[in-house]
């Protein structure tokens, strides 16, 4: 299994589900793909600096570290593309360092 860092932007516009329910769905998608979430960091709601679409002015950012077979990553990306509540996903290979909250 390979380790990955994923930055996900959740769009809750017009959705009845809470952010926590969306994160639970995201964890479920990773589990269904054969992976395991090892760390979660809720970054919070942020506005976009450049607004490309008036409907999407911002979103809730969450960072997940997870383990997944390399072959299953493409299937996870395709599943995320099908779901409009996951506005953006950036997945990179993990450096192995656990997520830490930035000092205030």
C-alpha atoms as a PDB file:
ATOM      1  CA  UNK A   1       0.000   0.000   0.000  1.00  0.00           C
ATOM      2  CA  UNK A   2       1.148   3.506  -0.799  1.00  0.00           C
ATOM      3  CA  UNK A   3       0.571   6.536   1.400  1.00  0.00           C
ATOM      4  CA  UNK A   4      -1.187   9.611   0.041  1.00  0.00           C
ATOM      5  CA  UNK A   5      -2.109  13.133   1.122  1.00  0.00           C
ATOM      6  CA  UNK A   6      -5.438  14.356  -0.191  1.00  0.00           C
ATOM      7  CA  UNK A   7      -6.737  17.921  -0.098  1.00  0.00           C
ATOM      8  CA  UNK A   8     -10.464  17.939  -0.757  1.00  0.00           C
ATOM      9  CA  UNK A   9     -12.813  20.892  -1.227  1.00  0.00           C
ATOM     10  CA  UNK A  10     -16.371  20.074  -0.227  1.00  0.00           C
ATOM     11  CA  UNK A  11     -19.210  22.065  -1.789  1.00  0.00           C
ATOM     12  CA  UNK A  12     -22.170  22.199   0.586  1.00  0.00           C
ATOM     13  CA  UNK A  13     -24.196  24.694  -1.472  1.00  0.00           C
ATOM     14  CA  UNK A  14     -27.771  23.451  -1.707  1.00  0.00           C
ATOM     15  CA  UNK A  15     -26.919  20.282   0.227  1.00  0.00           C
ATOM     16  CA  UNK A  16     -28.814  19.121   3.289  1.00  0.00           C
ATOM     17  CA  UNK A  17     -25.867  17.046   4.568  1.00  0.00           C
ATOM     18  CA  UNK A  18     -23.450  18.556   7.061  1.00  0.00           C
ATOM     19  CA  UNK A  19     -19.722  18.818   6.438  1.00  0.00           C
ATOM     20  CA  UNK A  20     -19.112  15.924   8.852  1.00  0.00           C
ATOM     21  CA  UNK A  21     -21.496  13.723   6.843  1.00  0.00           C
ATOM     22  CA  UNK A  22     -19.602  14.583   3.646  1.00  0.00           C
ATOM     23  CA  UNK A  23     -16.287  13.732   5.316  1.00  0.00           C
ATOM     24  CA  UNK A  24     -17.782  10.411   6.458  1.00  0.00           C
ATOM     25  CA  UNK A  25     -18.821   9.730   2.834  1.00  0.00           C
ATOM     26  CA  UNK A  26     -15.303  10.589   1.676  1.00  0.00           C
ATOM     27  CA  UNK A  27     -13.790   8.202   4.232  1.00  0.00           C
ATOM     28  CA  UNK A  28     -16.249   5.556   3.007  1.00  0.00           C
ATOM     29  CA  UNK A  29     -15.167   6.029  -0.612  1.00  0.00           C
ATOM     30  CA  UNK A  30     -11.544   5.512   0.384  1.00  0.00           C
ATOM     31  CA  UNK A  31     -12.490   2.391   2.373  1.00  0.00           C
ATOM     32  CA  UNK A  32     -14.548   1.017  -0.537  1.00  0.00           C
ATOM     33  CA  UNK A  33     -11.490   1.437  -2.773  1.00  0.00           C
ATOM     34  CA  UNK A  34      -9.549  -0.755  -0.331  1.00  0.00           C
ATOM     35  CA  UNK A  35      -7.821   2.055   1.530  1.00  0.00           C
ATOM     36  CA  UNK A  36      -7.547   3.237   5.103  1.00  0.00           C
ATOM     37  CA  UNK A  37      -7.638   6.831   6.368  1.00  0.00           C
ATOM     38  CA  UNK A  38      -4.788   7.383   8.822  1.00  0.00           C
ATOM     39  CA  UNK A  39      -5.205  11.067   9.638  1.00  0.00           C
ATOM     40  CA  UNK A  40      -7.784  13.829   9.132  1.00  0.00           C
ATOM     41  CA  UNK A  41      -7.480  17.598   9.409  1.00  0.00           C
ATOM     42  CA  UNK A  42     -10.442  19.923   8.964  1.00  0.00           C
ATOM     43  CA  UNK A  43      -9.030  23.174   7.626  1.00  0.00           C
ATOM     44  CA  UNK A  44     -12.348  25.002   7.493  1.00  0.00           C
ATOM     45  CA  UNK A  45     -14.434  27.057   5.115  1.00  0.00           C
ATOM     46  CA  UNK A  46     -12.426  29.283   2.776  1.00  0.00           C
ATOM     47  CA  UNK A  47     -13.355  31.577  -0.058  1.00  0.00           C
ATOM     48  CA  UNK A  48     -11.665  31.215  -3.433  1.00  0.00           C
ATOM     49  CA  UNK A  49      -9.207  33.927  -4.444  1.00  0.00           C
ATOM     50  CA  UNK A  50     -10.122  33.515  -8.115  1.00  0.00           C
ATOM     51  CA  UNK A  51     -13.779  32.761  -8.735  1.00  0.00           C
ATOM     52  CA  UNK A  52     -14.194  30.902 -12.022  1.00  0.00           C
ATOM     53  CA  UNK A  53     -17.869  30.115 -11.483  1.00  0.00           C
ATOM     54  CA  UNK A  54     -20.267  32.393  -9.583  1.00  0.00           C
ATOM     55  CA  UNK A  55     -21.950  29.331  -8.089  1.00  0.00           C
ATOM     56  CA  UNK A  56     -18.701  28.276  -6.405  1.00  0.00           C
ATOM     57  CA  UNK A  57     -17.309  31.119  -4.321  1.00  0.00           C
ATOM     58  CA  UNK A  58     -15.653  28.880  -1.738  1.00  0.00           C
ATOM     59  CA  UNK A  59     -15.811  25.558   0.017  1.00  0.00           C
ATOM     60  CA  UNK A  60     -14.886  23.544   3.091  1.00  0.00           C
ATOM     61  CA  UNK A  61     -11.315  22.256   2.966  1.00  0.00           C
ATOM     62  CA  UNK A  62     -10.295  18.952   4.528  1.00  0.00           C
ATOM     63  CA  UNK A  63      -6.924  17.229   4.364  1.00  0.00           C
ATOM     64  CA  UNK A  64      -6.757  13.430   4.665  1.00  0.00           C
ATOM     65  CA  UNK A  65      -3.787  11.112   4.837  1.00  0.00           C
ATOM     66  CA  UNK A  66      -4.584   7.601   3.695  1.00  0.00           C
ATOM     67  CA  UNK A  67      -3.110   4.344   2.507  1.00  0.00           C
ATOM     68  CA  UNK A  68      -4.283   2.818  -0.759  1.00  0.00           C
ATOM     69  CA  UNK A  69      -3.028   0.430  -3.433  1.00  0.00           C
ATOM     70  CA  UNK A  70      -1.650   2.423  -6.348  1.00  0.00           C
ATOM     71  CA  UNK A  71      -3.954   0.707  -8.841  1.00  0.00           C
ATOM     72  CA  UNK A  72      -7.047   1.710  -6.879  1.00  0.00           C
ATOM     73  CA  UNK A  73      -6.235   5.431  -6.968  1.00  0.00           C
ATOM     74  CA  UNK A  74      -7.621   5.956 -10.476  1.00  0.00           C
ATOM     75  CA  UNK A  75     -10.913   4.332  -9.470  1.00  0.00           C
ATOM     76  CA  UNK A  76     -11.147   6.635  -6.435  1.00  0.00           C
ATOM     77  CA  UNK A  77     -10.528   9.697  -8.624  1.00  0.00           C
ATOM     78  CA  UNK A  78     -13.267   8.615 -11.046  1.00  0.00           C
ATOM     79  CA  UNK A  79     -15.720   8.084  -8.184  1.00  0.00           C
ATOM     80  CA  UNK A  80     -14.928  11.549  -6.794  1.00  0.00           C
ATOM     81  CA  UNK A  81     -15.530  13.077 -10.239  1.00  0.00           C
ATOM     82  CA  UNK A  82     -19.048  11.612 -10.265  1.00  0.00           C
ATOM     83  CA  UNK A  83     -20.002  13.313  -7.007  1.00  0.00           C
ATOM     84  CA  UNK A  84     -20.746  17.050  -7.199  1.00  0.00           C
ATOM     85  CA  UNK A  85     -20.340  17.581  -3.444  1.00  0.00           C
ATOM     86  CA  UNK A  86     -16.583  17.006  -3.822  1.00  0.00           C
ATOM     87  CA  UNK A  87     -15.716  20.145  -5.787  1.00  0.00           C
ATOM     88  CA  UNK A  88     -11.953  19.548  -6.050  1.00  0.00           C
ATOM     89  CA  UNK A  89      -9.496  16.855  -5.005  1.00  0.00           C
ATOM     90  CA  UNK A  90      -5.726  17.041  -5.081  1.00  0.00           C
ATOM     91  CA  UNK A  91      -4.021  13.766  -4.199  1.00  0.00           C
ATOM     92  CA  UNK A  92      -0.236  13.472  -3.880  1.00  0.00           C
ATOM     93  CA  UNK A  93       2.185  10.874  -2.545  1.00  0.00           C
ATOM     94  CA  UNK A  94       2.684  11.347   1.189  1.00  0.00           C
ATOM     95  CA  UNK A  95       6.010  12.409   2.643  1.00  0.00           C
ATOM     96  CA  UNK A  96       5.200  10.206   5.622  1.00  0.00           C
ATOM     97  CA  UNK A  97       5.042  13.137   8.031  1.00  0.00           C
ATOM     98  CA  UNK A  98       1.805  13.244  10.052  1.00  0.00           C
ATOM     99  CA  UNK A  99      -0.425  16.259   9.576  1.00  0.00           C
ATOM    100  CA  UNK A 100       0.117  18.983  12.122  1.00  0.00           C
ATOM    101  CA  UNK A 101      -1.918  22.070  12.773  1.00  0.00           C
ATOM    102  CA  UNK A 102      -0.045  25.271  12.014  1.00  0.00           C
ATOM    103  CA  UNK A 103       0.924  27.227  15.108  1.00  0.00           C
ATOM    104  CA  UNK A 104      -1.283  30.275  15.544  1.00  0.00           C
END
